[in-house]
Amino acid sequence: MLINTHSIHSMAAAFRPGDTVDVNVKIQEGNNSRIQTFTGVVIARKGAGVRETFVVRKVSFGTGVERRFP
């Protein structure tokens, strides 16, 4: 995930648990890279500023998937 410090400060209060978010993740596959969108509901936030993490949950093909983002 590509985030610069300016965007962290501007989006710090932009979402909270219960909100639906789209997170764009850069995936490296050998020499190729692509952007994958992970859409789900924020279920937790922890920390503050640059060290903040959040957990997003979605249901994919009937299975719950949770992913933690730094």
PDB file of N, CA and C in Angstrom:
ATOM      1  N   MET A   1       0.845  -1.162   0.000  1.00  0.00           N
ATOM      2  CA  MET A   1       0.000   0.000   0.000  1.00  0.00           C
ATOM      3  C   MET A   1       0.893   1.228   0.000  1.00  0.00           C
ATOM      4  N   LEU A   2       0.621   2.153  -0.879  1.00  0.00           N
ATOM      5  CA  LEU A   2       1.432   3.345  -1.001  1.00  0.00           C
ATOM      6  C   LEU A   2       0.714   4.530  -0.375  1.00  0.00           C
ATOM      7  N   ILE A   3       1.281   5.043   0.707  1.00  0.00           N
ATOM      8  CA  ILE A   3       0.717   6.209   1.387  1.00  0.00           C
ATOM      9  C   ILE A   3       1.858   7.133   1.761  1.00  0.00           C
ATOM     10  N   ASN A   4       1.717   8.411   1.469  1.00  0.00           N
ATOM     11  CA  ASN A   4       2.727   9.354   1.934  1.00  0.00           C
ATOM     12  C   ASN A   4       2.242  10.012   3.223  1.00  0.00           C
ATOM     13  N   THR A   5       3.135  10.677   3.935  1.00  0.00           N
ATOM     14  CA  THR A   5       2.782  11.222   5.242  1.00  0.00           C
ATOM     15  C   THR A   5       1.718  12.309   5.152  1.00  0.00           C
ATOM     16  N   HIS A   6       1.670  13.054   4.066  1.00  0.00           N
ATOM     17  CA  HIS A   6       0.641  14.081   3.907  1.00  0.00           C
ATOM     18  C   HIS A   6      -0.743  13.439   3.878  1.00  0.00           C
ATOM     19  N   SER A   7      -0.895  12.344   3.127  1.00  0.00           N
ATOM     20  CA  SER A   7      -2.213  11.719   3.029  1.00  0.00           C
ATOM     21  C   SER A   7      -2.611  11.046   4.341  1.00  0.00           C
ATOM     22  N   ILE A   8      -1.650  10.583   5.137  1.00  0.00           N
ATOM     23  CA  ILE A   8      -1.980   9.980   6.435  1.00  0.00           C
ATOM     24  C   ILE A   8      -2.614  11.025   7.342  1.00  0.00           C
ATOM     25  N   HIS A   9      -2.030  12.207   7.400  1.00  0.00           N
ATOM     26  CA  HIS A   9      -2.574  13.246   8.263  1.00  0.00           C
ATOM     27  C   HIS A   9      -3.931  13.732   7.771  1.00  0.00           C
ATOM     28  N   SER A  10      -4.137  13.773   6.476  1.00  0.00           N
ATOM     29  CA  SER A  10      -5.403  14.275   5.958  1.00  0.00           C
ATOM     30  C   SER A  10      -6.509  13.237   6.048  1.00  0.00           C
ATOM     31  N   MET A  11      -6.167  11.941   6.073  1.00  0.00           N
ATOM     32  CA  MET A  11      -7.212  10.927   6.134  1.00  0.00           C
ATOM     33  C   MET A  11      -7.375  10.331   7.527  1.00  0.00           C
ATOM     34  N   ALA A  12      -6.668  10.864   8.530  1.00  0.00           N
ATOM     35  CA  ALA A  12      -6.705  10.299   9.869  1.00  0.00           C
ATOM     36  C   ALA A  12      -8.116  10.259  10.438  1.00  0.00           C
ATOM     37  N   ALA A  13      -8.897  11.279  10.241  1.00  0.00           N
ATOM     38  CA  ALA A  13     -10.253  11.311  10.775  1.00  0.00           C
ATOM     39  C   ALA A  13     -11.286  11.040   9.688  1.00  0.00           C
ATOM     40  N   ALA A  14     -10.848  10.614   8.526  1.00  0.00           N
ATOM     41  CA  ALA A  14     -11.747  10.455   7.395  1.00  0.00           C
ATOM     42  C   ALA A  14     -12.606   9.199   7.489  1.00  0.00           C
ATOM     43  N   PHE A  15     -12.222   8.206   8.283  1.00  0.00           N
ATOM     44  CA  PHE A  15     -13.021   6.991   8.399  1.00  0.00           C
ATOM     45  C   PHE A  15     -12.946   6.456   9.824  1.00  0.00           C
ATOM     46  N   ARG A  16     -13.926   5.626  10.165  1.00  0.00           N
ATOM     47  CA  ARG A  16     -13.964   5.022  11.491  1.00  0.00           C
ATOM     48  C   ARG A  16     -14.607   3.645  11.370  1.00  0.00           C
ATOM     49  N   PRO A  17     -14.542   2.827  12.409  1.00  0.00           N
ATOM     50  CA  PRO A  17     -15.160   1.497  12.344  1.00  0.00           C
ATOM     51  C   PRO A  17     -16.627   1.574  11.945  1.00  0.00           C
ATOM     52  N   GLY A  18     -17.015   0.686  11.056  1.00  0.00           N
ATOM     53  CA  GLY A  18     -18.372   0.680  10.533  1.00  0.00           C
ATOM     54  C   GLY A  18     -18.480   1.270   9.143  1.00  0.00           C
ATOM     55  N   ASP A  19     -17.489   2.048   8.732  1.00  0.00           N
ATOM     56  CA  ASP A  19     -17.482   2.643   7.392  1.00  0.00           C
ATOM     57  C   ASP A  19     -17.008   1.630   6.362  1.00  0.00           C
ATOM     58  N   THR A  20     -17.536   1.727   5.152  1.00  0.00           N
ATOM     59  CA  THR A  20     -17.075   0.909   4.039  1.00  0.00           C
ATOM     60  C   THR A  20     -15.995   1.681   3.293  1.00  0.00           C
ATOM     61  N   VAL A  21     -14.852   1.030   3.065  1.00  0.00           N
ATOM     62  CA  VAL A  21     -13.724   1.687   2.408  1.00  0.00           C
ATOM     63  C   VAL A  21     -13.212   0.848   1.247  1.00  0.00           C
ATOM     64  N   ASP A  22     -12.550   1.501   0.314  1.00  0.00           N
ATOM     65  CA  ASP A  22     -11.821   0.854  -0.771  1.00  0.00           C
ATOM     66  C   ASP A  22     -10.345   1.136  -0.531  1.00  0.00           C
ATOM     67  N   VAL A  23      -9.533   0.077  -0.431  1.00  0.00           N
ATOM     68  CA  VAL A  23      -8.095   0.246  -0.229  1.00  0.00           C
ATOM     69  C   VAL A  23      -7.391  -0.296  -1.462  1.00  0.00           C
ATOM     70  N   ASN A  24      -6.586   0.531  -2.104  1.00  0.00           N
ATOM     71  CA  ASN A  24      -5.819   0.102  -3.266  1.00  0.00           C
ATOM     72  C   ASN A  24      -4.472  -0.431  -2.802  1.00  0.00           C
ATOM     73  N   VAL A  25      -4.182  -1.687  -3.165  1.00  0.00           N
ATOM     74  CA  VAL A  25      -2.969  -2.368  -2.729  1.00  0.00           C
ATOM     75  C   VAL A  25      -2.127  -2.683  -3.957  1.00  0.00           C
ATOM     76  N   LYS A  26      -0.838  -2.352  -3.891  1.00  0.00           N
ATOM     77  CA  LYS A  26       0.073  -2.664  -4.987  1.00  0.00           C
ATOM     78  C   LYS A  26       0.611  -4.076  -4.782  1.00  0.00           C
ATOM     79  N   ILE A  27       0.396  -4.959  -5.764  1.00  0.00           N
ATOM     80  CA  ILE A  27       0.815  -6.354  -5.701  1.00  0.00           C
ATOM     81  C   ILE A  27       1.998  -6.552  -6.644  1.00  0.00           C
ATOM     82  N   GLN A  28       3.128  -7.080  -6.115  1.00  0.00           N
ATOM     83  CA  GLN A  28       4.306  -7.398  -6.932  1.00  0.00           C
ATOM     84  C   GLN A  28       4.252  -8.876  -7.282  1.00  0.00           C
ATOM     85  N   GLU A  29       4.270  -9.192  -8.562  1.00  0.00           N
ATOM     86  CA  GLU A  29       4.298 -10.568  -9.044  1.00  0.00           C
ATOM     87  C   GLU A  29       5.460 -10.703 -10.012  1.00  0.00           C
ATOM     88  N   GLY A  30       6.595 -11.144  -9.500  1.00  0.00           N
ATOM     89  CA  GLY A  30       7.786 -11.229 -10.337  1.00  0.00           C
ATOM     90  C   GLY A  30       8.216  -9.856 -10.786  1.00  0.00           C
ATOM     91  N   ASN A  31       8.302  -9.638 -12.099  1.00  0.00           N
ATOM     92  CA  ASN A  31       8.674  -8.334 -12.644  1.00  0.00           C
ATOM     93  C   ASN A  31       7.472  -7.416 -12.849  1.00  0.00           C
ATOM     94  N   ASN A  32       6.269  -7.957 -12.696  1.00  0.00           N
ATOM     95  CA  ASN A  32       5.050  -7.179 -12.932  1.00  0.00           C
ATOM     96  C   ASN A  32       4.462  -6.686 -11.623  1.00  0.00           C
ATOM     97  N   SER A  33       3.759  -5.581 -11.694  1.00  0.00           N
ATOM     98  CA  SER A  33       3.024  -5.092 -10.533  1.00  0.00           C
ATOM     99  C   SER A  33       1.641  -4.657 -10.996  1.00  0.00           C
ATOM    100  N   ARG A  34       0.685  -4.767 -10.077  1.00  0.00           N
ATOM    101  CA  ARG A  34      -0.682  -4.361 -10.395  1.00  0.00           C
ATOM    102  C   ARG A  34      -1.311  -3.784  -9.149  1.00  0.00           C
ATOM    103  N   ILE A  35      -2.398  -3.065  -9.333  1.00  0.00           N
ATOM    104  CA  ILE A  35      -3.142  -2.479  -8.230  1.00  0.00           C
ATOM    105  C   ILE A  35      -4.417  -3.297  -8.035  1.00  0.00           C
ATOM    106  N   GLN A  36      -4.623  -3.773  -6.797  1.00  0.00           N
ATOM    107  CA  GLN A  36      -5.819  -4.544  -6.464  1.00  0.00           C
ATOM    108  C   GLN A  36      -6.626  -3.755  -5.431  1.00  0.00           C
ATOM    109  N   THR A  37      -7.924  -3.666  -5.627  1.00  0.00           N
ATOM    110  CA  THR A  37      -8.788  -2.947  -4.694  1.00  0.00           C
ATOM    111  C   THR A  37      -9.401  -3.921  -3.706  1.00  0.00           C
ATOM    112  N   PHE A  38      -9.243  -3.627  -2.421  1.00  0.00           N
ATOM    113  CA  PHE A  38      -9.831  -4.425  -1.347  1.00  0.00           C
ATOM    114  C   PHE A  38     -10.953  -3.586  -0.755  1.00  0.00           C
ATOM    115  N   THR A  39     -12.199  -4.001  -0.970  1.00  0.00           N
ATOM    116  CA  THR A  39     -13.369  -3.263  -0.504  1.00  0.00           C
ATOM    117  C   THR A  39     -13.997  -4.007   0.658  1.00  0.00           C
ATOM    118  N   GLY A  40     -14.216  -3.301   1.764  1.00  0.00           N
ATOM    119  CA  GLY A  40     -14.838  -3.938   2.915  1.00  0.00           C
ATOM    120  C   GLY A  40     -15.191  -2.936   3.986  1.00  0.00           C
ATOM    121  N   VAL A  41     -15.575  -3.463   5.146  1.00  0.00           N
ATOM    122  CA  VAL A  41     -16.004  -2.651   6.281  1.00  0.00           C
ATOM    123  C   VAL A  41     -14.866  -2.561   7.284  1.00  0.00           C
ATOM    124  N   VAL A  42     -14.558  -1.363   7.742  1.00  0.00           N
ATOM    125  CA  VAL A  42     -13.531  -1.171   8.763  1.00  0.00           C
ATOM    126  C   VAL A  42     -14.079  -1.729  10.073  1.00  0.00           C
ATOM    127  N   ILE A  43     -13.338  -2.669  10.685  1.00  0.00           N
ATOM    128  CA  ILE A  43     -13.803  -3.233  11.954  1.00  0.00           C
ATOM    129  C   ILE A  43     -12.944  -2.796  13.134  1.00  0.00           C
ATOM    130  N   ALA A  44     -11.750  -2.251  12.888  1.00  0.00           N
ATOM    131  CA  ALA A  44     -10.903  -1.800  13.995  1.00  0.00           C
ATOM    132  C   ALA A  44      -9.870  -0.808  13.504  1.00  0.00           C
ATOM    133  N   ARG A  45      -9.486   0.101  14.397  1.00  0.00           N
ATOM    134  CA  ARG A  45      -8.364   1.022  14.185  1.00  0.00           C
ATOM    135  C   ARG A  45      -7.522   0.984  15.443  1.00  0.00           C
ATOM    136  N   LYS A  46      -6.199   1.011  15.271  1.00  0.00           N
ATOM    137  CA  LYS A  46      -5.301   0.951  16.413  1.00  0.00           C
ATOM    138  C   LYS A  46      -4.103   1.844  16.149  1.00  0.00           C
ATOM    139  N   GLY A  47      -3.620   2.524  17.174  1.00  0.00           N
ATOM    140  CA  GLY A  47      -2.467   3.390  17.030  1.00  0.00           C
ATOM    141  C   GLY A  47      -2.875   4.775  16.564  1.00  0.00           C
ATOM    142  N   ALA A  48      -1.849   5.560  16.205  1.00  0.00           N
ATOM    143  CA  ALA A  48      -2.104   6.926  15.758  1.00  0.00           C
ATOM    144  C   ALA A  48      -0.999   7.363  14.813  1.00  0.00           C
ATOM    145  N   GLY A  49      -1.337   8.283  13.921  1.00  0.00           N
ATOM    146  CA  GLY A  49      -0.355   8.858  13.005  1.00  0.00           C
ATOM    147  C   GLY A  49       0.207   7.832  12.037  1.00  0.00           C
ATOM    148  N   VAL A  50       1.511   7.862  11.855  1.00  0.00           N
ATOM    149  CA  VAL A  50       2.177   6.986  10.901  1.00  0.00           C
ATOM    150  C   VAL A  50       2.114   5.520  11.343  1.00  0.00           C
ATOM    151  N   ARG A  51       2.018   5.276  12.634  1.00  0.00           N
ATOM    152  CA  ARG A  51       1.989   3.909  13.158  1.00  0.00           C
ATOM    153  C   ARG A  51       0.579   3.326  13.264  1.00  0.00           C
ATOM    154  N   GLU A  52      -0.405   4.017  12.742  1.00  0.00           N
ATOM    155  CA  GLU A  52      -1.776   3.536  12.841  1.00  0.00           C
ATOM    156  C   GLU A  52      -2.017   2.356  11.910  1.00  0.00           C
ATOM    157  N   THR A  53      -2.790   1.374  12.382  1.00  0.00           N
ATOM    158  CA  THR A  53      -3.225   0.257  11.552  1.00  0.00           C
ATOM    159  C   THR A  53      -4.746   0.178  11.610  1.00  0.00           C
ATOM    160  N   PHE A  54      -5.321  -0.447  10.594  1.00  0.00           N
ATOM    161  CA  PHE A  54      -6.759  -0.665  10.592  1.00  0.00           C
ATOM    162  C   PHE A  54      -7.051  -1.999   9.929  1.00  0.00           C
ATOM    163  N   VAL A  55      -8.159  -2.611  10.341  1.00  0.00           N
ATOM    164  CA  VAL A  55      -8.559  -3.919   9.838  1.00  0.00           C
ATOM    165  C   VAL A  55      -9.828  -3.747   9.017  1.00  0.00           C
ATOM    166  N   VAL A  56      -9.814  -4.337   7.810  1.00  0.00           N
ATOM    167  CA  VAL A  56     -10.961  -4.280   6.913  1.00  0.00           C
ATOM    168  C   VAL A  56     -11.452  -5.708   6.695  1.00  0.00           C
ATOM    169  N   ARG A  57     -12.764  -5.889   6.773  1.00  0.00           N
ATOM    170  CA  ARG A  57     -13.363  -7.218   6.598  1.00  0.00           C
ATOM    171  C   ARG A  57     -14.304  -7.196   5.402  1.00  0.00           C
ATOM    172  N   LYS A  58     -14.236  -8.272   4.610  1.00  0.00           N
ATOM    173  CA  LYS A  58     -15.179  -8.440   3.503  1.00  0.00           C
ATOM    174  C   LYS A  58     -15.543  -9.916   3.407  1.00  0.00           C
ATOM    175  N   VAL A  59     -16.609 -10.208   2.681  1.00  0.00           N
ATOM    176  CA  VAL A  59     -17.016 -11.588   2.441  1.00  0.00           C
ATOM    177  C   VAL A  59     -16.746 -11.876   0.972  1.00  0.00           C
ATOM    178  N   SER A  60     -15.913 -12.882   0.721  1.00  0.00           N
ATOM    179  CA  SER A  60     -15.539 -13.257  -0.637  1.00  0.00           C
ATOM    180  C   SER A  60     -15.948 -14.707  -0.884  1.00  0.00           C
ATOM    181  N   PHE A  61     -16.869 -14.915  -1.790  1.00  0.00           N
ATOM    182  CA  PHE A  61     -17.374 -16.245  -2.118  1.00  0.00           C
ATOM    183  C   PHE A  61     -17.847 -16.997  -0.880  1.00  0.00           C
ATOM    184  N   GLY A  62     -18.543 -16.283   0.020  1.00  0.00           N
ATOM    185  CA  GLY A  62     -19.120 -16.899   1.202  1.00  0.00           C
ATOM    186  C   GLY A  62     -18.169 -17.072   2.380  1.00  0.00           C
ATOM    187  N   THR A  63     -16.924 -16.631   2.238  1.00  0.00           N
ATOM    188  CA  THR A  63     -15.927 -16.752   3.297  1.00  0.00           C
ATOM    189  C   THR A  63     -15.507 -15.365   3.750  1.00  0.00           C
ATOM    190  N   GLY A  64     -15.486 -15.149   5.063  1.00  0.00           N
ATOM    191  CA  GLY A  64     -15.054 -13.869   5.596  1.00  0.00           C
ATOM    192  C   GLY A  64     -13.547 -13.716   5.492  1.00  0.00           C
ATOM    193  N   VAL A  65     -13.107 -12.548   5.018  1.00  0.00           N
ATOM    194  CA  VAL A  65     -11.677 -12.258   4.860  1.00  0.00           C
ATOM    195  C   VAL A  65     -11.384 -10.958   5.600  1.00  0.00           C
ATOM    196  N   GLU A  66     -10.400 -11.000   6.495  1.00  0.00           N
ATOM    197  CA  GLU A  66      -9.966  -9.800   7.211  1.00  0.00           C
ATOM    198  C   GLU A  66      -8.534  -9.497   6.819  1.00  0.00           C
ATOM    199  N   ARG A  67      -8.262  -8.221   6.594  1.00  0.00           N
ATOM    200  CA  ARG A  67      -6.902  -7.812   6.222  1.00  0.00           C
ATOM    201  C   ARG A  67      -6.519  -6.587   7.013  1.00  0.00           C
ATOM    202  N   ARG A  68      -5.314  -6.615   7.575  1.00  0.00           N
ATOM    203  CA  ARG A  68      -4.792  -5.505   8.378  1.00  0.00           C
ATOM    204  C   ARG A  68      -3.885  -4.659   7.488  1.00  0.00           C
ATOM    205  N   PHE A  69      -4.092  -3.351   7.528  1.00  0.00           N
ATOM    206  CA  PHE A  69      -3.295  -2.414   6.735  1.00  0.00           C
ATOM    207  C   PHE A  69      -2.521  -1.499   7.664  1.00  0.00           C
ATOM    208  N   PRO A  70      -1.239  -1.249   7.332  1.00  0.00           N
ATOM    209  CA  PRO A  70      -0.446  -0.322   8.158  1.00  0.00           C
ATOM    210  C   PRO A  70      -0.815   1.120   7.868  1.00  0.00           C
TER     211      PRO A  70
END
